[in-house]
Amino acid sequence: MKEKKLVLRTCVCSKEVCEKKDLFRIVRTPEHTVVVDLKGKVNGRGAYLKKDKDVILQAKKSKVLDKKLEVSVPVEIYDELLGLL
């Protein structure tokens, strides 16, 4: 049988290369809203954050998602990410 290809992405905060399943995908939709994409199918500009409390808190503090997604990310998104851990 053919093996599945290992999909790697880079965390925008820690710059660590991880498997896609170990990261959250945060998306700015074409309507300029920000959502957490658990399926990986939402249209829009995406950024990946490692599934780690310290990384999420650091991203919130440094506003790295605001810069990468070019939109102000609401505090509720960070709360949702922490709740999903």
Protein backbone atom coordinates (compact mmCIF):
# COMPACT_ATOMS: atom_id res chain seq x y z
CA MET A 1 0.00 0.00 0.00
CA LYS A 2 1.05 3.55 -0.65
CA GLU A 3 2.05 5.54 2.45
CA LYS A 4 0.39 8.86 3.22
CA LYS A 5 2.55 11.90 2.58
CA LEU A 6 3.67 13.79 5.70
CA VAL A 7 2.19 17.31 5.57
CA LEU A 8 4.33 19.93 7.31
CA ARG A 9 3.48 23.55 8.12
CA THR A 10 5.27 26.30 10.05
CA CYS A 11 3.86 27.90 13.20
CA VAL A 12 3.71 31.69 12.70
CA CYS A 13 4.64 32.34 16.34
CA SER A 14 7.34 29.79 17.24
CA LYS A 15 8.60 29.30 13.64
CA GLU A 16 8.64 25.58 14.39
CA VAL A 17 7.91 23.14 11.55
CA CYS A 18 5.26 20.64 12.67
CA GLU A 19 2.84 18.17 11.18
CA LYS A 20 -0.40 19.80 10.08
CA LYS A 21 -2.39 17.80 12.66
CA ASP A 22 -0.35 19.39 15.50
CA LEU A 23 -1.36 22.92 14.49
CA PHE A 24 -4.48 25.10 14.56
CA ARG A 25 -5.42 26.89 11.32
CA ILE A 26 -6.76 30.41 11.75
CA VAL A 27 -8.35 31.93 8.63
CA ARG A 28 -9.25 35.44 7.48
CA THR A 29 -12.21 34.89 5.20
CA PRO A 30 -12.89 37.00 2.08
CA GLU A 31 -15.44 38.92 4.22
CA HIS A 32 -12.54 39.90 6.58
CA THR A 33 -13.81 37.85 9.52
CA VAL A 34 -11.49 35.57 11.48
CA VAL A 35 -12.40 31.95 12.21
CA VAL A 36 -10.69 28.86 13.58
CA ASP A 37 -10.65 26.24 10.82
CA LEU A 38 -10.72 22.76 12.33
CA LYS A 39 -11.31 20.92 9.02
CA GLY A 40 -8.75 22.82 6.93
CA LYS A 41 -11.28 23.61 4.20
CA VAL A 42 -12.35 27.23 4.83
CA ASN A 43 -11.54 29.67 2.00
CA GLY A 44 -9.28 32.57 2.83
CA ARG A 45 -5.82 33.48 4.05
CA GLY A 46 -4.63 31.02 6.68
CA ALA A 47 -2.02 31.00 9.42
CA TYR A 48 -0.97 28.11 11.63
CA LEU A 49 -0.42 28.09 15.40
CA LYS A 50 1.01 25.20 17.39
CA LYS A 51 -1.41 23.46 19.76
CA ASP A 52 0.40 24.72 22.87
CA LYS A 53 -0.88 27.07 25.57
CA ASP A 54 2.39 29.03 25.77
CA VAL A 55 2.51 29.55 21.99
CA ILE A 56 -1.12 30.76 21.88
CA LEU A 57 -0.52 33.21 24.75
CA GLN A 58 2.68 34.47 23.09
CA ALA A 59 0.81 34.97 19.80
CA LYS A 60 -1.88 36.94 21.65
CA LYS A 61 0.74 39.12 23.34
CA SER A 62 2.84 39.78 20.21
CA LYS A 63 -0.20 40.13 17.87
CA VAL A 64 1.57 37.97 15.27
CA LEU A 65 -1.80 36.79 13.84
CA ASP A 66 -2.87 40.41 13.31
CA LYS A 67 0.24 40.95 11.18
CA LYS A 68 0.01 37.69 9.22
CA LEU A 69 -3.72 37.89 8.51
CA GLU A 70 -3.66 41.68 7.99
CA VAL A 71 -6.74 42.16 10.19
CA SER A 72 -7.41 42.68 13.90
CA VAL A 73 -7.94 39.27 15.51
CA PRO A 74 -10.63 39.34 18.26
CA VAL A 75 -9.78 38.11 21.77
CA GLU A 76 -12.54 35.50 21.43
CA ILE A 77 -10.42 33.62 18.85
CA TYR A 78 -7.62 33.16 21.38
CA ASP A 79 -10.15 32.08 24.02
CA GLU A 80 -11.58 29.54 21.56
CA LEU A 81 -8.09 28.18 20.81
CA LEU A 82 -7.32 27.79 24.51
CA GLY A 83 -10.68 26.04 24.98
CA LEU A 84 -9.87 23.57 22.19
CA LEU A 85 -6.66 22.42 23.90
